[in-house]
Protein backbone atom coordinates (compact mmCIF):
# COMPACT_ATOMS: atom_id res chain seq x y z
CA UNK A 1 0.00 0.00 0.00
CA UNK A 2 1.48 3.28 -1.03
CA UNK A 3 1.43 6.72 0.48
CA UNK A 4 -2.00 7.47 -1.00
CA UNK A 5 -3.64 4.29 0.26
CA UNK A 6 -5.32 6.03 3.20
CA UNK A 7 -6.86 8.51 0.78
CA UNK A 8 -8.10 5.67 -1.43
CA UNK A 9 -9.73 3.96 1.52
CA UNK A 10 -11.63 7.12 2.42
CA UNK A 11 -12.50 8.04 -1.15
CA UNK A 12 -14.48 4.89 -1.88
CA UNK A 13 -18.22 4.77 -1.21
CA UNK A 14 -17.69 2.94 2.06
CA UNK A 15 -14.93 1.31 4.05
CA UNK A 16 -16.69 -2.05 4.07
CA UNK A 17 -16.63 -2.15 0.28
CA UNK A 18 -12.91 -1.30 0.26
CA UNK A 19 -12.16 -4.05 2.76
CA UNK A 20 -14.16 -6.48 0.65
CA UNK A 21 -12.04 -5.47 -2.34
CA UNK A 22 -8.80 -5.90 -0.36
CA UNK A 23 -9.88 -9.30 0.86
CA UNK A 24 -10.43 -10.36 -2.74
CA UNK A 25 -7.15 -8.94 -4.04
CA UNK A 26 -5.10 -10.78 -1.42
CA UNK A 27 -6.01 -14.10 -3.05
CA UNK A 28 -4.64 -12.86 -6.38
CA UNK A 29 -1.31 -11.93 -4.80
CA UNK A 30 -1.21 -15.21 -2.87
CA UNK A 31 -1.72 -17.15 -6.08
CA UNK A 32 0.97 -15.10 -7.82
CA UNK A 33 3.32 -15.88 -4.92
CA UNK A 34 2.73 -19.61 -5.33
CA UNK A 35 2.77 -19.69 -9.14
CA UNK A 36 5.65 -17.32 -9.90
CA UNK A 37 8.35 -18.87 -7.74
CA UNK A 38 7.44 -17.56 -4.28
CA UNK A 39 8.73 -14.07 -4.99
CA UNK A 40 8.75 -11.97 -1.84
CA UNK A 41 7.08 -9.00 -3.52
CA UNK A 42 3.84 -10.98 -3.76
CA UNK A 43 4.01 -12.21 -0.19
CA UNK A 44 4.78 -8.70 1.02
CA UNK A 45 1.70 -7.43 -0.83
CA UNK A 46 -0.34 -10.11 0.97
CA UNK A 47 1.10 -9.04 4.30
CA UNK A 48 0.24 -5.39 3.70
CA UNK A 49 -3.29 -6.21 2.58
CA UNK A 50 -3.88 -8.50 5.57
CA UNK A 51 -2.55 -5.85 7.91
CA UNK A 52 -4.91 -3.29 6.38
CA UNK A 53 -7.87 -5.62 6.92
CA UNK A 54 -6.79 -6.08 10.54
CA UNK A 55 -6.17 -2.38 11.22
CA UNK A 56 -9.23 -1.00 9.46
CA UNK A 57 -11.66 -3.48 10.92
CA UNK A 58 -13.56 -6.61 10.10
CA UNK A 59 -16.49 -6.71 7.75
CA UNK A 60 -19.51 -7.13 9.98
CA UNK A 61 -22.36 -7.35 7.53
CA UNK A 62 -23.20 -10.89 8.54
CA UNK A 63 -21.78 -14.36 8.11
CA UNK A 64 -21.04 -14.30 4.39
CA UNK A 65 -17.70 -14.69 2.67
CA UNK A 66 -18.41 -11.69 0.46
CA UNK A 67 -19.37 -9.01 2.98
CA UNK A 68 -18.96 -10.69 6.32
CA UNK A 69 -16.66 -11.74 9.10
CA UNK A 70 -15.97 -15.08 7.39
CA UNK A 71 -14.21 -13.29 4.53
CA UNK A 72 -11.95 -11.50 6.99
CA UNK A 73 -11.22 -14.78 8.75
CA UNK A 74 -10.31 -16.45 5.48
CA UNK A 75 -7.75 -13.73 4.80
CA UNK A 76 -5.94 -14.60 8.02
CA UNK A 77 -6.22 -18.35 7.48
CA UNK A 78 -4.71 -17.86 4.03
CA UNK A 79 -1.84 -15.86 5.53
CA UNK A 80 -1.26 -18.54 8.14
CA UNK A 81 -1.07 -21.17 5.41
CA UNK A 82 1.42 -19.07 3.44
CA UNK A 83 3.65 -18.02 6.34
CA UNK A 84 2.97 -20.34 9.32
CA UNK A 85 3.05 -17.20 11.48
CA UNK A 86 0.82 -17.74 14.49
CA UNK A 87 -0.33 -14.11 14.58
CA UNK A 88 -2.51 -14.86 11.56
CA UNK A 89 -4.05 -17.88 13.26
CA UNK A 90 -4.79 -15.67 16.28
CA UNK A 91 -6.42 -13.08 14.03
CA UNK A 92 -8.55 -15.73 12.32
CA UNK A 93 -9.64 -16.91 15.75
CA UNK A 94 -10.63 -13.36 16.68
CA UNK A 95 -12.82 -13.24 13.58
CA UNK A 96 -14.43 -16.46 14.73
CA UNK A 97 -15.09 -15.01 18.18
CA UNK A 98 -16.52 -11.84 16.66
CA UNK A 99 -18.91 -13.88 14.58
CA UNK A 100 -20.05 -16.35 17.21
CA UNK A 101 -20.12 -14.31 20.40
CA UNK A 102 -19.95 -10.71 19.23
CA UNK A 103 -16.66 -10.10 21.04
CA UNK A 104 -14.71 -6.98 20.25
CA UNK A 105 -11.55 -7.55 18.29
PDB file of N, CA and C in Angstrom:
ATOM      1  N   UNK A   1       0.855  -1.158   0.000  1.00  0.00           N
ATOM      2  CA  UNK A   1       0.000   0.000   0.000  1.00  0.00           C
ATOM      3  C   UNK A   1       0.905   1.227   0.000  1.00  0.00           C
ATOM      4  N   UNK A   2       0.642   2.115  -0.913  1.00  0.00           N
ATOM      5  CA  UNK A   2       1.484   3.282  -1.034  1.00  0.00           C
ATOM      6  C   UNK A   2       1.050   4.428  -0.151  1.00  0.00           C
ATOM      7  N   UNK A   3       1.693   5.550  -0.348  1.00  0.00           N
ATOM      8  CA  UNK A   3       1.428   6.718   0.481  1.00  0.00           C
ATOM      9  C   UNK A   3      -0.012   7.201   0.350  1.00  0.00           C
ATOM     10  N   UNK A   4      -0.639   7.008  -0.792  1.00  0.00           N
ATOM     11  CA  UNK A   4      -2.001   7.468  -0.997  1.00  0.00           C
ATOM     12  C   UNK A   4      -3.064   6.459  -0.613  1.00  0.00           C
ATOM     13  N   UNK A   5      -2.670   5.346  -0.027  1.00  0.00           N
ATOM     14  CA  UNK A   5      -3.640   4.286   0.260  1.00  0.00           C
ATOM     15  C   UNK A   5      -4.701   4.730   1.254  1.00  0.00           C
ATOM     16  N   UNK A   6      -4.344   5.533   2.228  1.00  0.00           N
ATOM     17  CA  UNK A   6      -5.321   6.027   3.204  1.00  0.00           C
ATOM     18  C   UNK A   6      -6.378   6.863   2.494  1.00  0.00           C
ATOM     19  N   UNK A   7      -5.938   7.689   1.566  1.00  0.00           N
ATOM     20  CA  UNK A   7      -6.858   8.508   0.785  1.00  0.00           C
ATOM     21  C   UNK A   7      -7.798   7.614  -0.024  1.00  0.00           C
ATOM     22  N   UNK A   8      -7.271   6.571  -0.638  1.00  0.00           N
ATOM     23  CA  UNK A   8      -8.104   5.674  -1.426  1.00  0.00           C
ATOM     24  C   UNK A   8      -9.142   4.986  -0.558  1.00  0.00           C
ATOM     25  N   UNK A   9      -8.778   4.602   0.639  1.00  0.00           N
ATOM     26  CA  UNK A   9      -9.730   3.959   1.525  1.00  0.00           C
ATOM     27  C   UNK A   9     -10.882   4.887   1.874  1.00  0.00           C
ATOM     28  N   UNK A  10     -10.592   6.166   2.041  1.00  0.00           N
ATOM     29  CA  UNK A  10     -11.631   7.121   2.418  1.00  0.00           C
ATOM     30  C   UNK A  10     -12.425   7.626   1.220  1.00  0.00           C
ATOM     31  N   UNK A  11     -11.848   7.529   0.043  1.00  0.00           N
ATOM     32  CA  UNK A  11     -12.501   8.042  -1.148  1.00  0.00           C
ATOM     33  C   UNK A  11     -13.641   7.135  -1.597  1.00  0.00           C
ATOM     34  N   UNK A  12     -13.492   5.857  -1.415  1.00  0.00           N
ATOM     35  CA  UNK A  12     -14.482   4.888  -1.881  1.00  0.00           C
ATOM     36  C   UNK A  12     -15.811   5.113  -1.170  1.00  0.00           C
ATOM     37  N   UNK A  13     -16.865   4.573  -1.743  1.00  0.00           N
ATOM     38  CA  UNK A  13     -18.217   4.766  -1.208  1.00  0.00           C
ATOM     39  C   UNK A  13     -18.353   4.362   0.250  1.00  0.00           C
ATOM     40  N   UNK A  14     -17.609   3.377   0.671  1.00  0.00           N
ATOM     41  CA  UNK A  14     -17.691   2.944   2.062  1.00  0.00           C
ATOM     42  C   UNK A  14     -16.524   2.035   2.400  1.00  0.00           C
ATOM     43  N   UNK A  15     -16.086   2.098   3.635  1.00  0.00           N
ATOM     44  CA  UNK A  15     -14.933   1.307   4.053  1.00  0.00           C
ATOM     45  C   UNK A  15     -15.195  -0.183   3.921  1.00  0.00           C
ATOM     46  N   UNK A  16     -16.416  -0.623   4.169  1.00  0.00           N
ATOM     47  CA  UNK A  16     -16.691  -2.054   4.072  1.00  0.00           C
ATOM     48  C   UNK A  16     -16.493  -2.558   2.646  1.00  0.00           C
ATOM     49  N   UNK A  17     -16.842  -1.747   1.657  1.00  0.00           N
ATOM     50  CA  UNK A  17     -16.633  -2.149   0.275  1.00  0.00           C
ATOM     51  C   UNK A  17     -15.145  -2.195  -0.065  1.00  0.00           C
ATOM     52  N   UNK A  18     -14.360  -1.292   0.482  1.00  0.00           N
ATOM     53  CA  UNK A  18     -12.914  -1.302   0.258  1.00  0.00           C
ATOM     54  C   UNK A  18     -12.302  -2.537   0.889  1.00  0.00           C
ATOM     55  N   UNK A  19     -12.703  -2.866   2.111  1.00  0.00           N
ATOM     56  CA  UNK A  19     -12.161  -4.051   2.761  1.00  0.00           C
ATOM     57  C   UNK A  19     -12.539  -5.306   2.000  1.00  0.00           C
ATOM     58  N   UNK A  20     -13.752  -5.355   1.477  1.00  0.00           N
ATOM     59  CA  UNK A  20     -14.162  -6.484   0.655  1.00  0.00           C
ATOM     60  C   UNK A  20     -13.243  -6.600  -0.548  1.00  0.00           C
ATOM     61  N   UNK A  21     -12.938  -5.483  -1.188  1.00  0.00           N
ATOM     62  CA  UNK A  21     -12.042  -5.473  -2.341  1.00  0.00           C
ATOM     63  C   UNK A  21     -10.652  -5.971  -1.943  1.00  0.00           C
ATOM     64  N   UNK A  22     -10.134  -5.483  -0.814  1.00  0.00           N
ATOM     65  CA  UNK A  22      -8.804  -5.895  -0.364  1.00  0.00           C
ATOM     66  C   UNK A  22      -8.762  -7.383  -0.058  1.00  0.00           C
ATOM     67  N   UNK A  23      -9.832  -7.883   0.555  1.00  0.00           N
ATOM     68  CA  UNK A  23      -9.884  -9.305   0.862  1.00  0.00           C
ATOM     69  C   UNK A  23      -9.864 -10.134  -0.412  1.00  0.00           C
ATOM     70  N   UNK A  24     -10.458  -9.636  -1.474  1.00  0.00           N
ATOM     71  CA  UNK A  24     -10.430 -10.357  -2.743  1.00  0.00           C
ATOM     72  C   UNK A  24      -9.073 -10.291  -3.423  1.00  0.00           C
ATOM     73  N   UNK A  25      -8.441  -9.139  -3.373  1.00  0.00           N
ATOM     74  CA  UNK A  25      -7.155  -8.939  -4.035  1.00  0.00           C
ATOM     75  C   UNK A  25      -6.057  -9.794  -3.392  1.00  0.00           C
ATOM     76  N   UNK A  26      -6.141 -10.014  -2.103  1.00  0.00           N
ATOM     77  CA  UNK A  26      -5.101 -10.775  -1.419  1.00  0.00           C
ATOM     78  C   UNK A  26      -4.960 -12.181  -2.009  1.00  0.00           C
ATOM     79  N   UNK A  27      -6.061 -12.760  -2.457  1.00  0.00           N
ATOM     80  CA  UNK A  27      -6.005 -14.101  -3.053  1.00  0.00           C
ATOM     81  C   UNK A  27      -5.262 -14.082  -4.383  1.00  0.00           C
ATOM     82  N   UNK A  28      -5.369 -12.990  -5.126  1.00  0.00           N
ATOM     83  CA  UNK A  28      -4.643 -12.856  -6.380  1.00  0.00           C
ATOM     84  C   UNK A  28      -3.138 -12.803  -6.112  1.00  0.00           C
ATOM     85  N   UNK A  29      -2.729 -12.006  -5.134  1.00  0.00           N
ATOM     86  CA  UNK A  29      -1.307 -11.929  -4.802  1.00  0.00           C
ATOM     87  C   UNK A  29      -0.790 -13.244  -4.216  1.00  0.00           C
ATOM     88  N   UNK A  30      -1.622 -13.925  -3.436  1.00  0.00           N
ATOM     89  CA  UNK A  30      -1.212 -15.214  -2.873  1.00  0.00           C
ATOM     90  C   UNK A  30      -0.986 -16.222  -3.987  1.00  0.00           C
ATOM     91  N   UNK A  31      -1.877 -16.227  -4.949  1.00  0.00           N
ATOM     92  CA  UNK A  31      -1.719 -17.154  -6.085  1.00  0.00           C
ATOM     93  C   UNK A  31      -0.471 -16.803  -6.880  1.00  0.00           C
ATOM     94  N   UNK A  32      -0.232 -15.524  -7.103  1.00  0.00           N
ATOM     95  CA  UNK A  32       0.974 -15.098  -7.818  1.00  0.00           C
ATOM     96  C   UNK A  32       2.221 -15.548  -7.065  1.00  0.00           C
ATOM     97  N   UNK A  33       2.194 -15.439  -5.752  1.00  0.00           N
ATOM     98  CA  UNK A  33       3.317 -15.881  -4.921  1.00  0.00           C
ATOM     99  C   UNK A  33       3.593 -17.363  -5.139  1.00  0.00           C
ATOM    100  N   UNK A  34       2.562 -18.164  -5.175  1.00  0.00           N
ATOM    101  CA  UNK A  34       2.728 -19.607  -5.330  1.00  0.00           C
ATOM    102  C   UNK A  34       3.095 -20.006  -6.758  1.00  0.00           C
ATOM    103  N   UNK A  35       2.555 -19.318  -7.742  1.00  0.00           N
ATOM    104  CA  UNK A  35       2.768 -19.693  -9.144  1.00  0.00           C
ATOM    105  C   UNK A  35       4.090 -19.169  -9.699  1.00  0.00           C
ATOM    106  N   UNK A  36       4.473 -17.964  -9.316  1.00  0.00           N
ATOM    107  CA  UNK A  36       5.649 -17.322  -9.895  1.00  0.00           C
ATOM    108  C   UNK A  36       6.893 -17.446  -9.028  1.00  0.00           C
ATOM    109  N   UNK A  37       7.092 -18.591  -8.430  1.00  0.00           N
ATOM    110  CA  UNK A  37       8.354 -18.874  -7.744  1.00  0.00           C
ATOM    111  C   UNK A  37       8.505 -18.266  -6.366  1.00  0.00           C
ATOM    112  N   UNK A  38       7.400 -18.064  -5.661  1.00  0.00           N
ATOM    113  CA  UNK A  38       7.443 -17.559  -4.281  1.00  0.00           C
ATOM    114  C   UNK A  38       8.276 -16.276  -4.141  1.00  0.00           C
ATOM    115  N   UNK A  39       8.029 -15.361  -5.048  1.00  0.00           N
ATOM    116  CA  UNK A  39       8.727 -14.069  -4.989  1.00  0.00           C
ATOM    117  C   UNK A  39       8.192 -13.261  -3.816  1.00  0.00           C
ATOM    118  N   UNK A  40       9.104 -12.700  -3.062  1.00  0.00           N
ATOM    119  CA  UNK A  40       8.751 -11.969  -1.838  1.00  0.00           C
ATOM    120  C   UNK A  40       7.829 -10.784  -2.082  1.00  0.00           C
ATOM    121  N   UNK A  41       7.922 -10.169  -3.266  1.00  0.00           N
ATOM    122  CA  UNK A  41       7.081  -8.999  -3.517  1.00  0.00           C
ATOM    123  C   UNK A  41       5.599  -9.356  -3.434  1.00  0.00           C
ATOM    124  N   UNK A  42       5.238 -10.565  -3.840  1.00  0.00           N
ATOM    125  CA  UNK A  42       3.839 -10.977  -3.762  1.00  0.00           C
ATOM    126  C   UNK A  42       3.431 -11.278  -2.321  1.00  0.00           C
ATOM    127  N   UNK A  43       4.306 -11.927  -1.586  1.00  0.00           N
ATOM    128  CA  UNK A  43       4.009 -12.214  -0.188  1.00  0.00           C
ATOM    129  C   UNK A  43       3.938 -10.923   0.623  1.00  0.00           C
ATOM    130  N   UNK A  44       4.816  -9.992   0.324  1.00  0.00           N
ATOM    131  CA  UNK A  44       4.780  -8.699   1.021  1.00  0.00           C
ATOM    132  C   UNK A  44       3.482  -7.953   0.735  1.00  0.00           C
ATOM    133  N   UNK A  45       2.988  -8.044  -0.503  1.00  0.00           N
ATOM    134  CA  UNK A  45       1.698  -7.425  -0.834  1.00  0.00           C
ATOM    135  C   UNK A  45       0.591  -8.076  -0.007  1.00  0.00           C
ATOM    136  N   UNK A  46       0.646  -9.398   0.138  1.00  0.00           N
ATOM    137  CA  UNK A  46      -0.337 -10.107   0.967  1.00  0.00           C
ATOM    138  C   UNK A  46      -0.266  -9.640   2.409  1.00  0.00           C
ATOM    139  N   UNK A  47       0.934  -9.488   2.913  1.00  0.00           N
ATOM    140  CA  UNK A  47       1.105  -9.036   4.299  1.00  0.00           C
ATOM    141  C   UNK A  47       0.492  -7.646   4.503  1.00  0.00           C
ATOM    142  N   UNK A  48       0.758  -6.756   3.570  1.00  0.00           N
ATOM    143  CA  UNK A  48       0.236  -5.394   3.697  1.00  0.00           C
ATOM    144  C   UNK A  48      -1.289  -5.374   3.616  1.00  0.00           C
ATOM    145  N   UNK A  49      -1.839  -6.156   2.711  1.00  0.00           N
ATOM    146  CA  UNK A  49      -3.294  -6.211   2.583  1.00  0.00           C
ATOM    147  C   UNK A  49      -3.933  -6.805   3.832  1.00  0.00           C
ATOM    148  N   UNK A  50      -3.349  -7.884   4.349  1.00  0.00           N
ATOM    149  CA  UNK A  50      -3.879  -8.504   5.566  1.00  0.00           C
ATOM    150  C   UNK A  50      -3.788  -7.541   6.747  1.00  0.00           C
ATOM    151  N   UNK A  51      -2.707  -6.817   6.820  1.00  0.00           N
ATOM    152  CA  UNK A  51      -2.546  -5.846   7.907  1.00  0.00           C
ATOM    153  C   UNK A  51      -3.593  -4.738   7.794  1.00  0.00           C
ATOM    154  N   UNK A  52      -3.892  -4.317   6.584  1.00  0.00           N
ATOM    155  CA  UNK A  52      -4.913  -3.288   6.382  1.00  0.00           C
ATOM    156  C   UNK A  52      -6.277  -3.795   6.825  1.00  0.00           C
ATOM    157  N   UNK A  53      -6.605  -5.042   6.478  1.00  0.00           N
ATOM    158  CA  UNK A  53      -7.874  -5.622   6.916  1.00  0.00           C
ATOM    159  C   UNK A  53      -7.927  -5.648   8.441  1.00  0.00           C
ATOM    160  N   UNK A  54      -6.818  -6.015   9.075  1.00  0.00           N
ATOM    161  CA  UNK A  54      -6.786  -6.081  10.541  1.00  0.00           C
ATOM    162  C   UNK A  54      -6.915  -4.704  11.162  1.00  0.00           C
ATOM    163  N   UNK A  55      -6.182  -3.724  10.634  1.00  0.00           N
ATOM    164  CA  UNK A  55      -6.167  -2.380  11.222  1.00  0.00           C
ATOM    165  C   UNK A  55      -7.458  -1.612  10.974  1.00  0.00           C
ATOM    166  N   UNK A  56      -8.049  -1.787   9.813  1.00  0.00           N
ATOM    167  CA  UNK A  56      -9.232  -0.999   9.455  1.00  0.00           C
ATOM    168  C   UNK A  56     -10.528  -1.634   9.929  1.00  0.00           C
ATOM    169  N   UNK A  57     -10.463  -2.864  10.369  1.00  0.00           N
ATOM    170  CA  UNK A  57     -11.659  -3.484  10.923  1.00  0.00           C
ATOM    171  C   UNK A  57     -12.175  -4.634  10.098  1.00  0.00           C
ATOM    172  N   UNK A  58     -12.957  -5.458  10.755  1.00  0.00           N
ATOM    173  CA  UNK A  58     -13.559  -6.611  10.104  1.00  0.00           C
ATOM    174  C   UNK A  58     -14.853  -6.199   9.432  1.00  0.00           C
ATOM    175  N   UNK A  59     -15.190  -6.911   8.379  1.00  0.00           N
ATOM    176  CA  UNK A  59     -16.486  -6.713   7.752  1.00  0.00           C
ATOM    177  C   UNK A  59     -17.530  -7.367   8.636  1.00  0.00           C
ATOM    178  N   UNK A  60     -18.514  -6.614   9.038  1.00  0.00           N
ATOM    179  CA  UNK A  60     -19.509  -7.134   9.983  1.00  0.00           C
ATOM    180  C   UNK A  60     -20.916  -7.090   9.401  1.00  0.00           C
ATOM    181  N   UNK A  61     -21.042  -7.373   8.155  1.00  0.00           N
ATOM    182  CA  UNK A  61     -22.359  -7.351   7.529  1.00  0.00           C
ATOM    183  C   UNK A  61     -23.022  -8.722   7.559  1.00  0.00           C
ATOM    184  N   UNK A  62     -22.600  -9.575   8.453  1.00  0.00           N
ATOM    185  CA  UNK A  62     -23.204 -10.894   8.536  1.00  0.00           C
ATOM    186  C   UNK A  62     -22.179 -11.994   8.329  1.00  0.00           C
ATOM    187  N   UNK A  63     -22.671 -13.209   8.141  1.00  0.00           N
ATOM    188  CA  UNK A  63     -21.778 -14.357   8.112  1.00  0.00           C
ATOM    189  C   UNK A  63     -21.141 -14.657   6.760  1.00  0.00           C
ATOM    190  N   UNK A  64     -21.482 -13.941   5.728  1.00  0.00           N
ATOM    191  CA  UNK A  64     -21.044 -14.300   4.389  1.00  0.00           C
ATOM    192  C   UNK A  64     -19.567 -14.091   4.116  1.00  0.00           C
ATOM    193  N   UNK A  65     -19.085 -14.831   3.125  1.00  0.00           N
ATOM    194  CA  UNK A  65     -17.704 -14.693   2.668  1.00  0.00           C
ATOM    195  C   UNK A  65     -17.518 -13.343   1.992  1.00  0.00           C
ATOM    196  N   UNK A  66     -18.514 -12.905   1.267  1.00  0.00           N
ATOM    197  CA  UNK A  66     -18.411 -11.693   0.463  1.00  0.00           C
ATOM    198  C   UNK A  66     -18.339 -10.435   1.326  1.00  0.00           C
ATOM    199  N   UNK A  67     -19.317 -10.220   2.173  1.00  0.00           N
ATOM    200  CA  UNK A  67     -19.371  -9.009   2.982  1.00  0.00           C
ATOM    201  C   UNK A  67     -19.551  -9.362   4.446  1.00  0.00           C
ATOM    202  N   UNK A  68     -18.775 -10.290   4.936  1.00  0.00           N
ATOM    203  CA  UNK A  68     -18.959 -10.695   6.317  1.00  0.00           C
ATOM    204  C   UNK A  68     -17.665 -11.053   7.016  1.00  0.00           C
ATOM    205  N   UNK A  69     -17.801 -11.404   8.264  1.00  0.00           N
ATOM    206  CA  UNK A  69     -16.660 -11.742   9.104  1.00  0.00           C
ATOM    207  C   UNK A  69     -15.905 -12.948   8.548  1.00  0.00           C
ATOM    208  N   UNK A  70     -16.623 -13.878   7.930  1.00  0.00           N
ATOM    209  CA  UNK A  70     -15.972 -15.076   7.388  1.00  0.00           C
ATOM    210  C   UNK A  70     -14.916 -14.712   6.346  1.00  0.00           C
ATOM    211  N   UNK A  71     -15.194 -13.724   5.528  1.00  0.00           N
ATOM    212  CA  UNK A  71     -14.214 -13.293   4.529  1.00  0.00           C
ATOM    213  C   UNK A  71     -12.953 -12.745   5.173  1.00  0.00           C
ATOM    214  N   UNK A  72     -13.112 -12.004   6.247  1.00  0.00           N
ATOM    215  CA  UNK A  72     -11.953 -11.495   6.987  1.00  0.00           C
ATOM    216  C   UNK A  72     -11.173 -12.656   7.591  1.00  0.00           C
ATOM    217  N   UNK A  73     -11.883 -13.612   8.163  1.00  0.00           N
ATOM    218  CA  UNK A  73     -11.223 -14.778   8.750  1.00  0.00           C
ATOM    219  C   UNK A  73     -10.446 -15.568   7.730  1.00  0.00           C
ATOM    220  N   UNK A  74     -11.012 -15.711   6.529  1.00  0.00           N
ATOM    221  CA  UNK A  74     -10.314 -16.449   5.477  1.00  0.00           C
ATOM    222  C   UNK A  74      -9.004 -15.770   5.089  1.00  0.00           C
ATOM    223  N   UNK A  75      -8.984 -14.450   5.110  1.00  0.00           N
ATOM    224  CA  UNK A  75      -7.746 -13.728   4.799  1.00  0.00           C
ATOM    225  C   UNK A  75      -6.636 -14.173   5.752  1.00  0.00           C
ATOM    226  N   UNK A  76      -6.958 -14.246   7.036  1.00  0.00           N
ATOM    227  CA  UNK A  76      -5.937 -14.598   8.024  1.00  0.00           C
ATOM    228  C   UNK A  76      -5.587 -16.080   7.988  1.00  0.00           C
ATOM    229  N   UNK A  77      -6.551 -16.935   7.658  1.00  0.00           N
ATOM    230  CA  UNK A  77      -6.224 -18.353   7.479  1.00  0.00           C
ATOM    231  C   UNK A  77      -5.313 -18.550   6.268  1.00  0.00           C
ATOM    232  N   UNK A  78      -5.572 -17.809   5.205  1.00  0.00           N
ATOM    233  CA  UNK A  78      -4.705 -17.862   4.033  1.00  0.00           C
ATOM    234  C   UNK A  78      -3.289 -17.436   4.404  1.00  0.00           C
ATOM    235  N   UNK A  79      -3.167 -16.340   5.138  1.00  0.00           N
ATOM    236  CA  UNK A  79      -1.843 -15.857   5.530  1.00  0.00           C
ATOM    237  C   UNK A  79      -1.133 -16.857   6.436  1.00  0.00           C
ATOM    238  N   UNK A  80      -1.865 -17.516   7.296  1.00  0.00           N
ATOM    239  CA  UNK A  80      -1.256 -18.541   8.143  1.00  0.00           C
ATOM    240  C   UNK A  80      -0.738 -19.695   7.289  1.00  0.00           C
ATOM    241  N   UNK A  81      -1.514 -20.090   6.294  1.00  0.00           N
ATOM    242  CA  UNK A  81      -1.067 -21.174   5.407  1.00  0.00           C
ATOM    243  C   UNK A  81       0.178 -20.775   4.630  1.00  0.00           C
ATOM    244  N   UNK A  82       0.278 -19.523   4.223  1.00  0.00           N
ATOM    245  CA  UNK A  82       1.424 -19.070   3.442  1.00  0.00           C
ATOM    246  C   UNK A  82       2.673 -18.879   4.290  1.00  0.00           C
ATOM    247  N   UNK A  83       2.498 -18.441   5.536  1.00  0.00           N
ATOM    248  CA  UNK A  83       3.654 -18.021   6.337  1.00  0.00           C
ATOM    249  C   UNK A  83       3.914 -18.871   7.578  1.00  0.00           C
ATOM    250  N   UNK A  84       2.917 -19.589   8.053  1.00  0.00           N
ATOM    251  CA  UNK A  84       2.975 -20.344   9.319  1.00  0.00           C
ATOM    252  C   UNK A  84       3.228 -19.428  10.519  1.00  0.00           C
ATOM    253  N   UNK A  85       2.915 -18.144  10.372  1.00  0.00           N
ATOM    254  CA  UNK A  85       3.051 -17.197  11.480  1.00  0.00           C
ATOM    255  C   UNK A  85       1.785 -17.253  12.332  1.00  0.00           C
ATOM    256  N   UNK A  86       1.964 -17.522  13.611  1.00  0.00           N
ATOM    257  CA  UNK A  86       0.816 -17.737  14.494  1.00  0.00           C
ATOM    258  C   UNK A  86      -0.039 -16.494  14.698  1.00  0.00           C
ATOM    259  N   UNK A  87       0.492 -15.311  14.421  1.00  0.00           N
ATOM    260  CA  UNK A  87      -0.331 -14.106  14.580  1.00  0.00           C
ATOM    261  C   UNK A  87      -1.536 -14.154  13.646  1.00  0.00           C
ATOM    262  N   UNK A  88      -1.387 -14.773  12.490  1.00  0.00           N
ATOM    263  CA  UNK A  88      -2.508 -14.863  11.560  1.00  0.00           C
ATOM    264  C   UNK A  88      -3.548 -15.871  12.041  1.00  0.00           C
ATOM    265  N   UNK A  89      -3.112 -16.918  12.685  1.00  0.00           N
ATOM    266  CA  UNK A  89      -4.048 -17.879  13.263  1.00  0.00           C
ATOM    267  C   UNK A  89      -4.827 -17.220  14.400  1.00  0.00           C
ATOM    268  N   UNK A  90      -4.135 -16.433  15.203  1.00  0.00           N
ATOM    269  CA  UNK A  90      -4.792 -15.674  16.278  1.00  0.00           C
ATOM    270  C   UNK A  90      -5.852 -14.731  15.700  1.00  0.00           C
ATOM    271  N   UNK A  91      -5.492 -14.033  14.629  1.00  0.00           N
ATOM    272  CA  UNK A  91      -6.422 -13.077  14.029  1.00  0.00           C
ATOM    273  C   UNK A  91      -7.640 -13.791  13.433  1.00  0.00           C
ATOM    274  N   UNK A  92      -7.421 -14.940  12.838  1.00  0.00           N
ATOM    275  CA  UNK A  92      -8.548 -15.728  12.322  1.00  0.00           C
ATOM    276  C   UNK A  92      -9.462 -16.151  13.467  1.00  0.00           C
ATOM    277  N   UNK A  93      -8.858 -16.529  14.575  1.00  0.00           N
ATOM    278  CA  UNK A  93      -9.641 -16.913  15.752  1.00  0.00           C
ATOM    279  C   UNK A  93     -10.460 -15.733  16.274  1.00  0.00           C
ATOM    280  N   UNK A  94      -9.891 -14.558  16.242  1.00  0.00           N
ATOM    281  CA  UNK A  94     -10.630 -13.359  16.685  1.00  0.00           C
ATOM    282  C   UNK A  94     -11.830 -13.105  15.773  1.00  0.00           C
ATOM    283  N   UNK A  95     -11.680 -13.364  14.490  1.00  0.00           N
ATOM    284  CA  UNK A  95     -12.820 -13.237  13.575  1.00  0.00           C
ATOM    285  C   UNK A  95     -13.909 -14.225  13.966  1.00  0.00           C
ATOM    286  N   UNK A  96     -13.499 -15.423  14.304  1.00  0.00           N
ATOM    287  CA  UNK A  96     -14.435 -16.460  14.729  1.00  0.00           C
ATOM    288  C   UNK A  96     -15.179 -16.013  15.982  1.00  0.00           C
ATOM    289  N   UNK A  97     -14.454 -15.471  16.932  1.00  0.00           N
ATOM    290  CA  UNK A  97     -15.087 -15.011  18.177  1.00  0.00           C
ATOM    291  C   UNK A  97     -16.035 -13.849  17.903  1.00  0.00           C
ATOM    292  N   UNK A  98     -15.657 -12.971  17.005  1.00  0.00           N
ATOM    293  CA  UNK A  98     -16.515 -11.843  16.661  1.00  0.00           C
ATOM    294  C   UNK A  98     -17.821 -12.346  16.067  1.00  0.00           C
ATOM    295  N   UNK A  99     -17.723 -13.364  15.225  1.00  0.00           N
ATOM    296  CA  UNK A  99     -18.913 -13.883  14.575  1.00  0.00           C
ATOM    297  C   UNK A  99     -19.821 -14.620  15.544  1.00  0.00           C
ATOM    298  N   UNK A 100     -19.230 -15.487  16.374  1.00  0.00           N
ATOM    299  CA  UNK A 100     -20.054 -16.351  17.208  1.00  0.00           C
ATOM    300  C   UNK A 100     -20.510 -15.739  18.526  1.00  0.00           C
ATOM    301  N   UNK A 101     -19.712 -14.865  19.118  1.00  0.00           N
ATOM    302  CA  UNK A 101     -20.119 -14.312  20.405  1.00  0.00           C
ATOM    303  C   UNK A 101     -20.177 -12.794  20.416  1.00  0.00           C
ATOM    304  N   UNK A 102     -19.868 -12.161  19.297  1.00  0.00           N
ATOM    305  CA  UNK A 102     -19.950 -10.706  19.235  1.00  0.00           C
ATOM    306  C   UNK A 102     -18.861 -10.004  20.020  1.00  0.00           C
ATOM    307  N   UNK A 103     -17.754 -10.691  20.282  1.00  0.00           N
ATOM    308  CA  UNK A 103     -16.665 -10.099  21.042  1.00  0.00           C
ATOM    309  C   UNK A 103     -15.993  -8.993  20.232  1.00  0.00           C
ATOM    310  N   UNK A 104     -15.481  -8.032  20.927  1.00  0.00           N
ATOM    311  CA  UNK A 104     -14.713  -6.979  20.253  1.00  0.00           C
ATOM    312  C   UNK A 104     -13.358  -7.527  19.878  1.00  0.00           C
ATOM    313  N   UNK A 105     -12.857  -7.073  18.761  1.00  0.00           N
ATOM    314  CA  UNK A 105     -11.553  -7.548  18.293  1.00  0.00           C
ATOM    315  C   UNK A 105     -10.459  -6.744  18.943  1.00  0.00           C
TER     316      UNK A 105
END
